[in-house]
Amino acid sequence: MPTAISLRHAVLAALCLAPHTARAEGPHEHPDVCELTAPPDIGEHPAPIDCAESKDTGYTNGNPFEITVVHIDGRPVEKSTANAYWVMREAAAADGVDMHINSGFRTMAEQEYLYGCYVNCNCNNCNLAAKPGYSNHQSGHALDINTATPGVYNWLNAHGGAFGFTETVPGEPWHWEWWGGGPGGGVCDISIPPQGYLDTVDCDNVYGWAQDPDAPDAAIDVHVYFNAPAGDPNGIGVPTTANLHREDLCMALGSCAHGYELGIPLSLRDNVTHPVHVYGIDIEGQQNPQLAQSPLTFTCAPPALSGVRRHITSPDILAAWKFDLFWQLVNVDEPTLLAIPDWIAIEPAPQLIRADDGTPEVYLKDGDVRRHIPSPEVADNWGFDLGAVVTVPAAEVYAIPLGTPLWDKPVLVKGPGPEVYQLDDLQCPPGSREPLCQVDDTTTGGDDPTGPAPTTGGDATGGDSTGEGPDASTGASSSDGSGGGPTGSASGTAGNDSGDAGGCACRSNAGDTQPWALGLFVLGALARRRRRAPRA
């Protein structure tokens, strides 16, 4: 080893072993080791914070332990140390001092390299380095700070202790350690609120995106409030999830599945302007901010209506069918209501049947006909429990005339009075004495009235003719309750409310009977103008 280097190392070693009192409280059974000359000061230091966590192995006195590592000033640092440093760094910045980290946590591989350079004197300027496992930098709690920058060392010497930081190695004014203490807090313990946009609201959907920067790849909940903001008793909150793939988000956010889409309730398609407020829900339960461009408004005409109307005669029947007066009810004027032919009342409760011959098709038994449920999605839209399907002898099933398939979604209608109806197809099996069926002989109940045993095609179970399809719970749910093509206009008027919704008392999309519906049915029973004659 060259003489000059040997003398230099001897001086450094003497400094390192000299008595000193400025020692941090921490696992320092092994003497502090003076390892390097001042690390190069990085004038243009990188982005100051990256709280994305990773696990690594730290060491003190040769003993390994797991640590959580984040990045401050582009340098890896143990998380609690990083938080304490950030608080100190912000205080220094407030005093006009530009502090940053030049070196932080060191892995075993990095320390082995530096120690090899020292022992072999073939790299790193032969700088002194501790034995692997014994460097304070391997704990993650030691930082080399830019004390060569004017003002930094003096500020640290005067204030570092108040933040839990101590200068631990004589001759290394840049080397400071944290083993606890200080005011607490820190940027990597602060939840960053969700971000996102309410892109648009029209007569079909509420559409936008939301992401929580604390969990950038996770899908977060979004709460959509109709008619008023969160916390207002006039607001109706509906939860959904921002998990839809959007190509336009991939580059901007670094991940793609953050879109959300929610249908417009039929009850709000009434030619009245309605505001929509959307909130991103924080994964850590902190702030739930209103998304950018929220609120917007929409004004939509009722959708075009067709079919016949069937009276829902009581709240119990409404509940049995799991109808939802918010999502599925269209309000119309009396001429529009009366223009829809009035047919028989809806069945008291849905009855689902399947033949016992192994075919997968599921039917709704509706009066004198059976009606095919085309898919698990349709069953889910109607709130049907496919686990409650009754298996019936095949001969009995196929003896029931086949009616029209069930609508994709239920649609209810109500005029100025209290009566509520379901819209449906008129069912005209052979021999029916229904007057409406006599008017138009081309209106039939569907295929061959006896209906041959089906052999192909999908069904409500989602399977094939073997009847071994997946569980119906895999069917996608639709909560918009739309039926028919709506017309009207929607306006996108951005509001200024950026307040934080502290909580979200959201309603479910399920068909719970609203309390005011009880009065509708009581009045409806009294107001019924005439009792229809029994149908054959």
Protein backbone atom coordinates (compact mmCIF):
# COMPACT_ATOMS: atom_id res chain seq x y z
CA MET A 1 0.00 0.00 0.00
CA PRO A 2 1.45 3.42 -0.84
CA THR A 3 2.89 5.31 2.11
CA ALA A 4 0.65 8.36 1.66
CA ILE A 5 -2.48 6.25 1.76
CA SER A 6 -1.25 4.36 4.83
CA LEU A 7 -0.62 7.61 6.71
CA ARG A 8 -4.03 8.93 5.69
CA HIS A 9 -5.76 5.81 6.97
CA ALA A 10 -3.84 6.02 10.25
CA VAL A 11 -5.04 9.58 10.80
CA LEU A 12 -8.63 8.62 10.00
CA ALA A 13 -8.46 5.64 12.31
CA ALA A 14 -7.17 7.81 15.13
CA LEU A 15 -10.05 10.24 14.63
CA CYS A 16 -12.60 7.44 14.57
CA LEU A 17 -11.36 5.93 17.86
CA ALA A 18 -10.96 9.27 19.63
CA PRO A 19 -13.32 9.79 22.61
CA HIS A 20 -16.47 11.67 21.79
CA THR A 21 -19.80 12.36 23.44
CA ALA A 22 -22.09 13.02 20.51
CA ARG A 23 -23.50 9.51 20.11
CA ALA A 24 -26.99 8.60 19.01
CA GLU A 25 -29.15 6.39 21.18
CA GLY A 26 -29.27 3.17 19.22
CA PRO A 27 -27.61 -0.22 18.72
CA HIS A 28 -23.97 0.91 18.85
CA GLU A 29 -22.19 -1.90 20.70
CA HIS A 30 -19.62 -1.97 17.90
CA PRO A 31 -17.55 1.24 17.70
CA ASP A 32 -18.69 3.76 15.12
CA VAL A 33 -16.58 3.38 12.01
CA CYS A 34 -15.37 6.31 9.97
CA GLU A 35 -15.70 5.02 6.44
CA LEU A 36 -15.47 7.65 3.73
CA THR A 37 -14.27 11.04 2.91
CA ALA A 38 -17.17 13.41 2.44
CA PRO A 39 -19.44 11.91 -0.21
CA PRO A 40 -19.76 14.03 -3.32
CA ASP A 41 -22.33 16.76 -2.90
CA ILE A 42 -25.04 16.50 -5.53
CA GLY A 43 -26.00 20.02 -6.49
CA GLU A 44 -28.96 19.03 -8.66
CA HIS A 45 -30.52 16.48 -6.37
CA PRO A 46 -33.42 14.37 -7.72
CA ALA A 47 -37.12 14.35 -6.87
CA PRO A 48 -37.31 14.64 -3.08
CA ILE A 49 -39.81 11.95 -2.19
CA ASP A 50 -40.99 8.50 -3.23
CA CYS A 51 -42.98 6.78 -0.50
CA ALA A 52 -43.35 3.50 -2.40
CA GLU A 53 -42.26 0.93 0.18
CA SER A 54 -39.96 -2.05 -0.24
CA LYS A 55 -38.57 -4.54 2.25
CA ASP A 56 -34.85 -5.10 2.73
CA THR A 57 -32.42 -6.49 5.30
CA GLY A 58 -30.72 -4.04 7.64
CA TYR A 59 -27.79 -4.77 9.97
CA THR A 60 -26.50 -3.50 13.28
CA ASN A 61 -23.40 -5.05 14.83
CA GLY A 62 -23.64 -7.92 12.35
CA ASN A 63 -27.23 -8.79 13.28
CA PRO A 64 -29.79 -8.81 10.44
CA PHE A 65 -33.34 -7.45 10.71
CA GLU A 66 -36.07 -6.46 8.27
CA ILE A 67 -36.54 -2.80 7.43
CA THR A 68 -38.98 -0.84 5.30
CA VAL A 69 -37.23 1.36 2.75
CA VAL A 70 -38.51 4.48 0.97
CA HIS A 71 -36.61 7.07 -1.08
CA ILE A 72 -35.81 10.64 -0.04
CA ASP A 73 -33.76 12.87 -2.35
CA GLY A 74 -33.45 9.79 -4.56
CA ARG A 75 -31.66 7.86 -1.80
CA PRO A 76 -32.93 4.74 -0.01
CA VAL A 77 -33.68 5.40 3.67
CA GLU A 78 -35.41 3.42 6.43
CA LYS A 79 -38.99 4.72 6.52
CA SER A 80 -39.15 6.13 10.07
CA THR A 81 -35.77 7.81 9.57
CA ALA A 82 -37.02 9.22 6.27
CA ASN A 83 -40.11 10.69 7.95
CA ALA A 84 -38.02 12.31 10.69
CA TYR A 85 -35.55 13.67 8.14
CA TRP A 86 -38.34 15.10 5.98
CA VAL A 87 -39.78 17.04 8.89
CA MET A 88 -36.27 18.39 9.65
CA ARG A 89 -35.63 19.17 5.98
CA GLU A 90 -38.85 21.19 5.75
CA ALA A 91 -37.90 23.16 8.87
CA ALA A 92 -34.46 23.89 7.39
CA ALA A 93 -36.06 24.99 4.12
CA ALA A 94 -38.28 27.40 6.07
CA ASP A 95 -35.06 28.97 7.40
CA GLY A 96 -33.62 29.24 3.88
CA VAL A 97 -31.30 26.22 4.20
CA ASP A 98 -31.16 23.77 1.28
CA MET A 99 -30.59 20.37 2.87
CA HIS A 100 -30.49 17.03 1.09
CA ILE A 101 -29.13 13.50 1.42
CA ASN A 102 -26.00 12.34 -0.40
CA SER A 103 -26.00 8.76 0.94
CA GLY A 104 -28.49 6.66 2.89
CA PHE A 105 -29.21 2.96 3.38
CA ARG A 106 -26.59 0.57 2.09
CA THR A 107 -27.30 -3.06 1.17
CA MET A 108 -25.02 -5.97 2.12
CA ALA A 109 -23.85 -6.23 -1.50
CA GLU A 110 -22.92 -2.53 -1.58
CA GLN A 111 -21.05 -2.76 1.71
CA GLU A 112 -19.16 -5.87 0.57
CA TYR A 113 -18.06 -3.96 -2.53
CA LEU A 114 -16.83 -0.96 -0.52
CA TYR A 115 -15.06 -3.17 2.00
CA GLY A 116 -13.35 -5.04 -0.85
CA CYS A 117 -12.22 -1.73 -2.31
CA TYR A 118 -10.70 -0.80 1.04
CA VAL A 119 -8.99 -4.14 1.69
CA ASN A 120 -7.63 -4.53 -1.85
CA CYS A 121 -7.17 -0.82 -2.52
CA ASN A 122 -8.35 -1.24 -6.11
CA CYS A 123 -11.48 0.97 -6.23
CA ASN A 124 -13.37 3.77 -4.43
CA ASN A 125 -10.07 5.59 -3.83
CA CYS A 126 -9.20 2.92 -1.24
CA ASN A 127 -11.46 4.70 1.27
CA LEU A 128 -11.86 3.13 4.68
CA ALA A 129 -14.97 0.97 4.96
CA ALA A 130 -16.49 -1.05 7.79
CA LYS A 131 -16.73 -4.80 7.71
CA PRO A 132 -19.96 -5.92 6.01
CA GLY A 133 -22.80 -6.04 8.54
CA TYR A 134 -21.14 -3.44 10.79
CA SER A 135 -21.57 -0.23 8.80
CA ASN A 136 -24.02 2.21 10.36
CA HIS A 137 -25.35 2.86 6.87
CA GLN A 138 -26.58 -0.73 6.72
CA SER A 139 -29.09 0.02 9.48
CA GLY A 140 -30.94 2.49 7.26
CA HIS A 141 -30.78 5.04 10.12
CA ALA A 142 -27.55 6.77 9.04
CA LEU A 143 -27.52 9.62 6.53
CA ASP A 144 -24.73 11.53 4.86
CA ILE A 145 -26.06 15.07 4.49
CA ASN A 146 -24.69 17.90 2.31
CA THR A 147 -22.94 19.71 5.15
CA ALA A 148 -20.41 21.21 2.70
CA THR A 149 -23.21 23.46 1.43
CA PRO A 150 -23.01 26.81 3.26
CA GLY A 151 -25.35 26.99 6.24
CA VAL A 152 -26.28 23.30 6.38
CA TYR A 153 -23.84 22.13 9.08
CA ASN A 154 -24.44 25.15 11.29
CA TRP A 155 -28.20 24.61 11.06
CA LEU A 156 -27.84 20.89 11.86
CA ASN A 157 -25.53 21.61 14.78
CA ALA A 158 -28.06 24.05 16.21
CA HIS A 159 -31.33 22.23 15.45
CA GLY A 160 -30.64 18.59 14.49
CA GLY A 161 -31.09 17.30 18.04
CA ALA A 162 -34.62 18.74 18.20
CA PHE A 163 -35.53 16.39 15.34
CA GLY A 164 -33.78 13.34 16.83
CA PHE A 165 -30.63 13.56 14.67
CA THR A 166 -27.11 13.24 16.13
CA GLU A 167 -23.64 13.64 14.62
CA THR A 168 -22.11 10.28 15.57
CA VAL A 169 -18.72 9.94 13.87
CA PRO A 170 -15.86 12.34 14.66
CA GLY A 171 -14.25 13.75 11.58
CA GLU A 172 -17.41 13.16 9.50
CA PRO A 173 -19.57 16.26 9.92
CA TRP A 174 -21.82 14.97 7.15
CA HIS A 175 -22.74 11.71 9.00
CA TRP A 176 -25.94 12.00 11.07
CA GLU A 177 -28.09 9.26 12.56
CA TRP A 178 -31.67 8.99 13.83
CA TRP A 179 -32.82 6.34 16.30
CA GLY A 180 -35.99 7.99 17.54
CA GLY A 181 -37.19 11.34 18.85
CA GLY A 182 -38.27 14.54 17.22
CA PRO A 183 -41.74 15.99 16.71
CA GLY A 184 -43.08 13.03 14.73
CA GLY A 185 -45.02 13.05 11.47
CA GLY A 186 -43.47 12.85 8.05
CA VAL A 187 -44.45 12.77 4.44
CA CYS A 188 -44.54 8.97 4.11
CA ASP A 189 -47.05 8.67 6.94
CA ILE A 190 -49.42 11.23 5.43
CA SER A 191 -52.20 9.87 3.27
CA ILE A 192 -52.41 11.52 -0.14
CA PRO A 193 -56.08 11.99 -1.06
CA PRO A 194 -57.59 10.35 -4.15
CA GLN A 195 -57.52 12.19 -7.44
CA GLY A 196 -59.66 11.93 -10.55
CA TYR A 197 -62.26 13.49 -12.81
CA LEU A 198 -65.95 13.53 -13.44
CA ASP A 199 -65.47 13.55 -17.21
CA THR A 200 -69.07 13.73 -18.35
CA VAL A 201 -72.71 13.14 -17.44
CA ASP A 202 -75.27 12.41 -20.14
CA CYS A 203 -78.63 10.65 -20.36
CA ASP A 204 -76.97 7.24 -20.27
CA ASN A 205 -74.05 7.36 -17.84
CA VAL A 206 -71.92 9.14 -15.28
CA TYR A 207 -68.36 8.67 -16.56
CA GLY A 208 -64.88 9.44 -15.23
CA TRP A 209 -61.80 8.10 -13.43
CA ALA A 210 -60.34 7.99 -9.92
CA GLN A 211 -57.07 6.81 -8.35
CA ASP A 212 -55.52 6.84 -4.87
CA PRO A 213 -51.81 7.82 -5.22
CA ASP A 214 -51.07 5.87 -2.03
CA ALA A 215 -52.04 2.68 -3.88
CA PRO A 216 -51.62 3.64 -7.54
CA ASP A 217 -52.47 0.22 -8.98
CA ALA A 218 -55.52 -0.48 -6.81
CA ALA A 219 -59.13 0.08 -7.88
CA ILE A 220 -60.82 2.43 -5.43
CA ASP A 221 -64.44 3.05 -4.55
CA VAL A 222 -66.27 6.06 -5.94
CA HIS A 223 -69.45 7.48 -4.41
CA VAL A 224 -71.85 9.20 -6.79
CA TYR A 225 -74.44 11.54 -5.28
CA PHE A 226 -77.53 12.56 -7.22
CA ASN A 227 -79.49 15.77 -6.49
CA ALA A 228 -77.21 17.12 -3.71
CA PRO A 229 -73.68 16.73 -2.29
CA ALA A 230 -72.66 14.24 0.38
CA GLY A 231 -73.99 15.23 3.77
CA ASP A 232 -77.10 16.89 2.33
CA PRO A 233 -80.28 14.92 3.22
CA ASN A 234 -81.53 15.51 -0.33
CA GLY A 235 -78.56 13.69 -1.84
CA ILE A 236 -78.89 10.05 -2.90
CA GLY A 237 -75.51 8.31 -2.79
CA VAL A 238 -74.65 5.29 -4.89
CA PRO A 239 -71.32 3.41 -4.54
CA THR A 240 -69.43 2.06 -7.52
CA THR A 241 -65.81 1.06 -8.24
CA ALA A 242 -63.25 2.73 -10.48
CA ASN A 243 -61.90 -0.47 -12.06
CA LEU A 244 -62.62 -0.11 -15.79
CA HIS A 245 -59.72 -0.27 -18.26
CA ARG A 246 -59.06 3.04 -20.06
CA GLU A 247 -56.23 3.30 -22.53
CA ASP A 248 -55.96 7.06 -22.02
CA LEU A 249 -55.01 6.51 -18.36
CA CYS A 250 -52.18 4.04 -18.95
CA MET A 251 -49.46 6.57 -19.72
CA ALA A 252 -50.84 9.38 -17.60
CA LEU A 253 -51.23 7.35 -14.39
CA GLY A 254 -48.91 4.42 -14.94
CA SER A 255 -51.80 1.95 -14.76
CA CYS A 256 -55.00 1.65 -16.74
CA ALA A 257 -57.90 0.22 -14.69
CA HIS A 258 -59.21 3.35 -12.97
CA GLY A 259 -62.32 4.25 -14.98
CA TYR A 260 -65.83 4.28 -13.55
CA GLU A 261 -69.23 4.32 -15.22
CA LEU A 262 -72.68 4.43 -13.64
CA GLY A 263 -76.06 4.57 -15.33
CA ILE A 264 -78.64 7.31 -14.89
CA PRO A 265 -81.64 6.26 -12.73
CA LEU A 266 -84.89 6.15 -14.71
CA SER A 267 -86.64 8.12 -11.97
CA LEU A 268 -84.40 11.13 -12.74
CA ARG A 269 -85.21 11.13 -16.45
CA ASP A 270 -88.00 13.61 -15.87
CA ASN A 271 -87.08 16.78 -17.81
CA VAL A 272 -85.71 18.31 -14.59
CA THR A 273 -82.09 19.38 -14.11
CA HIS A 274 -80.24 17.21 -11.59
CA PRO A 275 -76.71 17.78 -10.21
CA VAL A 276 -74.22 14.90 -9.85
CA HIS A 277 -71.43 15.01 -7.24
CA VAL A 278 -68.66 12.38 -7.34
CA TYR A 279 -66.19 11.57 -4.56
CA GLY A 280 -63.04 9.41 -4.55
CA ILE A 281 -62.88 7.19 -1.45
CA ASP A 282 -59.48 7.07 0.23
CA ILE A 283 -58.13 3.54 0.72
CA GLU A 284 -56.72 4.47 4.13
CA GLY A 285 -60.00 6.01 5.30
CA GLN A 286 -58.69 9.58 5.32
CA GLN A 287 -59.97 12.30 2.97
CA ASN A 288 -62.70 11.58 0.42
CA PRO A 289 -62.41 14.59 -1.90
CA GLN A 290 -64.84 15.60 -4.59
CA LEU A 291 -63.29 14.83 -7.97
CA ALA A 292 -62.28 17.50 -10.45
CA GLN A 293 -65.13 19.00 -12.51
CA SER A 294 -67.71 17.72 -10.00
CA PRO A 295 -70.56 18.60 -9.87
CA LEU A 296 -72.02 18.39 -13.35
CA THR A 297 -75.71 18.40 -14.23
CA PHE A 298 -78.01 16.53 -16.60
CA THR A 299 -81.53 17.13 -17.92
CA CYS A 300 -83.13 14.13 -19.63
CA ALA A 301 -86.57 13.30 -21.00
CA PRO A 302 -88.20 9.98 -20.04
CA PRO A 303 -87.24 7.06 -22.28
CA ALA A 304 -89.61 5.80 -24.96
CA LEU A 305 -92.01 3.25 -23.43
CA SER A 306 -93.62 0.19 -25.00
CA GLY A 307 -95.49 -2.97 -24.10
CA VAL A 308 -98.35 -3.27 -21.62
CA ARG A 309 -98.59 -2.23 -17.98
CA ARG A 310 -99.17 -4.66 -15.14
CA HIS A 311 -100.28 -3.33 -11.77
CA ILE A 312 -98.04 -4.00 -8.76
CA THR A 313 -100.79 -4.28 -6.19
CA SER A 314 -98.94 -4.04 -2.87
CA PRO A 315 -95.65 -3.17 -1.21
CA ASP A 316 -95.15 -6.85 -0.40
CA ILE A 317 -95.24 -7.73 -4.09
CA LEU A 318 -92.82 -4.88 -4.88
CA ALA A 319 -90.45 -6.29 -2.25
CA ALA A 320 -90.88 -9.89 -3.46
CA TRP A 321 -89.72 -8.83 -6.93
CA LYS A 322 -86.91 -6.64 -5.50
CA PHE A 323 -87.98 -3.72 -7.65
CA ASP A 324 -86.22 -0.38 -7.11
CA LEU A 325 -88.28 2.79 -7.47
CA PHE A 326 -85.14 4.95 -7.78
CA TRP A 327 -83.44 3.04 -10.59
CA GLN A 328 -86.35 1.42 -12.43
CA LEU A 329 -89.34 3.80 -12.19
CA VAL A 330 -90.28 6.17 -15.02
CA ASN A 331 -92.61 9.01 -14.04
CA VAL A 332 -95.01 10.07 -16.83
CA ASP A 333 -98.08 12.27 -17.26
CA GLU A 334 -101.55 10.77 -17.34
CA PRO A 335 -102.03 10.75 -21.16
CA THR A 336 -98.74 8.87 -21.58
CA LEU A 337 -99.74 6.36 -18.92
CA LEU A 338 -103.20 5.76 -20.35
CA ALA A 339 -101.75 5.25 -23.82
CA ILE A 340 -100.06 2.08 -22.53
CA PRO A 341 -102.54 -0.85 -22.57
CA ASP A 342 -103.50 -2.11 -19.11
CA TRP A 343 -103.08 -5.88 -18.64
CA ILE A 344 -103.25 -8.34 -15.75
CA ALA A 345 -101.52 -7.62 -12.45
CA ILE A 346 -98.03 -8.95 -11.90
CA GLU A 347 -97.62 -12.30 -10.14
CA PRO A 348 -97.27 -12.10 -6.33
CA ALA A 349 -93.68 -13.35 -6.50
CA PRO A 350 -91.30 -14.73 -9.13
CA GLN A 351 -91.26 -18.51 -9.57
CA LEU A 352 -88.23 -19.95 -11.38
CA ILE A 353 -88.33 -23.46 -12.86
CA ARG A 354 -86.09 -25.85 -14.79
CA ALA A 355 -86.80 -29.20 -16.45
CA ASP A 356 -85.34 -32.32 -14.87
CA ASP A 357 -83.97 -33.63 -18.18
CA GLY A 358 -80.53 -32.02 -17.82
CA THR A 359 -81.19 -29.03 -20.06
CA PRO A 360 -79.81 -25.80 -18.58
CA GLU A 361 -82.60 -23.38 -19.47
CA VAL A 362 -84.26 -21.53 -16.58
CA TYR A 363 -87.77 -20.11 -16.98
CA LEU A 364 -89.96 -17.67 -15.13
CA LYS A 365 -93.41 -19.19 -14.56
CA ASP A 366 -95.65 -16.25 -15.43
CA GLY A 367 -99.35 -17.09 -15.25
CA ASP A 368 -100.17 -19.46 -18.09
CA VAL A 369 -96.75 -19.26 -19.81
CA ARG A 370 -93.10 -19.94 -19.12
CA ARG A 371 -90.59 -17.26 -20.09
CA HIS A 372 -86.92 -17.91 -20.77
CA ILE A 373 -84.32 -16.07 -18.66
CA PRO A 374 -81.59 -15.59 -21.29
CA SER A 375 -78.48 -15.16 -19.13
CA PRO A 376 -77.07 -14.75 -15.61
CA GLU A 377 -76.81 -11.02 -16.30
CA VAL A 378 -80.55 -10.78 -16.93
CA ALA A 379 -81.28 -12.84 -13.82
CA ASP A 380 -79.04 -10.52 -11.81
CA ASN A 381 -80.71 -7.41 -13.25
CA TRP A 382 -84.02 -8.76 -11.97
CA GLY A 383 -82.62 -9.75 -8.59
CA PHE A 384 -83.39 -13.45 -9.17
CA ASP A 385 -81.70 -16.07 -7.01
CA LEU A 386 -80.73 -18.84 -9.40
CA GLY A 387 -79.94 -21.01 -6.43
CA ALA A 388 -83.68 -21.11 -5.71
CA VAL A 389 -84.71 -22.57 -9.10
CA VAL A 390 -87.21 -25.40 -8.70
CA THR A 391 -86.62 -28.53 -10.79
CA VAL A 392 -89.87 -29.79 -12.35
CA PRO A 393 -90.60 -32.93 -14.41
CA ALA A 394 -89.74 -32.14 -18.01
CA ALA A 395 -93.18 -33.14 -19.27
CA GLU A 396 -94.79 -30.55 -16.99
CA VAL A 397 -92.36 -27.82 -18.05
CA TYR A 398 -92.82 -28.36 -21.79
CA ALA A 399 -96.59 -28.58 -21.40
CA ILE A 400 -96.60 -24.93 -20.34
CA PRO A 401 -96.80 -22.64 -23.42
CA LEU A 402 -93.61 -20.74 -24.14
CA GLY A 403 -93.99 -16.96 -23.82
CA THR A 404 -91.64 -14.16 -24.83
CA PRO A 405 -88.23 -14.00 -23.17
CA LEU A 406 -87.90 -11.86 -20.08
CA TRP A 407 -86.84 -8.25 -20.66
CA ASP A 408 -83.16 -7.51 -20.02
CA LYS A 409 -84.09 -5.23 -17.12
CA PRO A 410 -87.31 -4.38 -15.29
CA VAL A 411 -88.98 -1.07 -16.14
CA LEU A 412 -91.67 0.41 -13.93
CA VAL A 413 -94.00 3.27 -14.73
CA LYS A 414 -96.13 5.64 -12.68
CA GLY A 415 -98.48 8.47 -13.62
CA PRO A 416 -99.80 11.32 -11.45
CA GLY A 417 -101.69 8.86 -9.25
CA PRO A 418 -100.26 6.46 -6.68
CA GLU A 419 -100.44 3.29 -8.79
CA VAL A 420 -97.17 1.67 -9.94
CA TYR A 421 -96.98 -0.70 -12.91
CA GLN A 422 -94.43 -2.98 -14.50
CA LEU A 423 -94.00 -2.69 -18.26
CA ASP A 424 -94.03 -6.02 -20.04
CA ASP A 425 -94.81 -7.93 -23.23
CA LEU A 426 -98.37 -9.09 -23.74
CA GLN A 427 -98.51 -12.89 -23.45
CA CYS A 428 -101.02 -14.60 -25.78
CA PRO A 429 -100.80 -18.40 -25.54
CA PRO A 430 -103.08 -20.43 -27.84
CA GLY A 431 -106.70 -20.30 -26.73
CA SER A 432 -106.23 -17.15 -24.66
CA ARG A 433 -109.45 -15.14 -24.17
CA GLU A 434 -107.47 -12.01 -23.29
CA PRO A 435 -109.21 -9.14 -25.15
CA LEU A 436 -105.91 -7.53 -26.08
CA CYS A 437 -104.84 -10.79 -27.73
CA GLN A 438 -108.02 -10.87 -29.80
CA VAL A 439 -107.31 -7.45 -31.29
CA ASP A 440 -104.07 -8.54 -32.94
CA ASP A 441 -103.91 -12.18 -33.98
CA THR A 442 -100.23 -11.73 -34.88
CA THR A 443 -99.36 -11.22 -31.22
CA THR A 444 -98.37 -14.57 -29.79
CA GLY A 445 -96.73 -15.88 -26.72
CA GLY A 446 -93.59 -16.93 -28.48
CA ASP A 447 -92.62 -20.23 -30.16
CA ASP A 448 -94.47 -23.51 -30.35
CA PRO A 449 -96.89 -23.32 -27.40
CA THR A 450 -95.85 -26.68 -26.04
CA GLY A 451 -92.19 -25.88 -26.58
CA PRO A 452 -89.90 -28.78 -27.47
CA ALA A 453 -87.15 -29.67 -25.09
CA PRO A 454 -84.32 -27.20 -25.78
CA THR A 455 -81.07 -28.74 -26.96
CA THR A 456 -78.81 -25.80 -27.73
CA GLY A 457 -78.10 -22.26 -26.72
CA GLY A 458 -77.15 -20.54 -23.51
CA ASP A 459 -79.36 -20.02 -20.51
CA ALA A 460 -79.52 -18.24 -17.20
CA THR A 461 -76.83 -20.48 -15.77
CA GLY A 462 -74.38 -19.34 -18.42
CA GLY A 463 -73.76 -22.96 -19.47
CA ASP A 464 -74.49 -25.14 -22.47
CA SER A 465 -77.03 -27.89 -22.94
CA THR A 466 -75.22 -30.07 -20.43
CA GLY A 467 -76.52 -27.86 -17.65
CA GLU A 468 -73.07 -27.56 -16.07
CA GLY A 469 -72.49 -23.83 -16.51
CA PRO A 470 -70.84 -21.58 -13.94
CA ASP A 471 -72.68 -20.24 -10.94
CA ALA A 472 -74.99 -17.37 -11.76
CA SER A 473 -73.19 -15.15 -9.33
CA THR A 474 -70.62 -14.54 -12.04
CA GLY A 475 -73.19 -12.60 -14.06
CA ALA A 476 -72.46 -8.89 -14.35
CA SER A 477 -74.81 -6.62 -12.48
CA SER A 478 -76.34 -3.52 -13.98
CA SER A 479 -77.54 -0.78 -11.70
CA ASP A 480 -78.81 1.79 -14.11
CA GLY A 481 -82.23 0.22 -14.51
CA SER A 482 -82.57 1.60 -17.99
CA GLY A 483 -84.98 0.24 -20.54
CA GLY A 484 -85.57 1.58 -24.01
CA GLY A 485 -83.66 4.39 -25.64
CA PRO A 486 -83.87 7.59 -23.60
CA THR A 487 -84.11 10.93 -25.28
CA GLY A 488 -83.41 14.39 -23.98
CA SER A 489 -80.38 16.52 -23.26
CA ALA A 490 -77.64 16.58 -20.70
CA SER A 491 -75.61 19.60 -19.69
CA GLY A 492 -72.10 19.45 -18.26
CA THR A 493 -71.92 22.42 -15.94
CA ALA A 494 -68.84 22.31 -13.75
CA GLY A 495 -69.28 23.52 -10.19
CA ASN A 496 -66.83 24.96 -7.66
CA ASP A 497 -67.46 22.66 -4.70
CA SER A 498 -64.15 21.00 -3.87
CA GLY A 499 -65.08 20.14 -0.30
CA ASP A 500 -64.18 16.89 1.40
CA ALA A 501 -67.00 14.45 2.09
CA GLY A 502 -66.12 13.13 5.48
CA GLY A 503 -68.49 10.19 5.15
CA CYS A 504 -70.77 8.57 2.63
CA ALA A 505 -74.15 7.19 3.62
CA CYS A 506 -74.75 5.54 0.28
CA ARG A 507 -77.91 3.74 -0.74
CA SER A 508 -77.80 0.28 -2.23
CA ASN A 509 -78.91 -0.51 -5.76
CA ALA A 510 -80.97 -3.36 -4.39
CA GLY A 511 -84.74 -3.20 -4.51
CA ASP A 512 -85.54 -2.18 -0.94
CA THR A 513 -89.08 -0.88 -0.65
CA GLN A 514 -89.03 2.84 0.05
CA PRO A 515 -91.22 3.90 3.01
CA TRP A 516 -93.26 6.29 0.91
CA ALA A 517 -94.16 3.43 -1.42
CA LEU A 518 -96.48 2.02 1.25
CA GLY A 519 -98.74 5.04 0.88
CA LEU A 520 -98.67 4.69 -2.90
CA PHE A 521 -100.00 1.17 -2.76
CA VAL A 522 -102.68 1.88 -0.16
CA LEU A 523 -103.96 4.79 -2.18
CA GLY A 524 -103.52 2.80 -5.38
CA ALA A 525 -105.78 0.05 -4.14
CA LEU A 526 -108.49 2.60 -3.33
CA ALA A 527 -108.02 4.59 -6.48
CA ARG A 528 -108.14 1.65 -8.86
CA ARG A 529 -110.91 2.68 -11.25
CA ARG A 530 -112.15 -0.75 -12.20
CA ARG A 531 -111.48 -4.39 -11.46
CA ARG A 532 -110.49 -6.38 -14.50
CA ALA A 533 -112.47 -9.49 -15.38
CA PRO A 534 -110.59 -12.76 -14.78
CA ARG A 535 -108.66 -14.07 -17.77
CA ALA A 536 -109.12 -17.55 -19.05
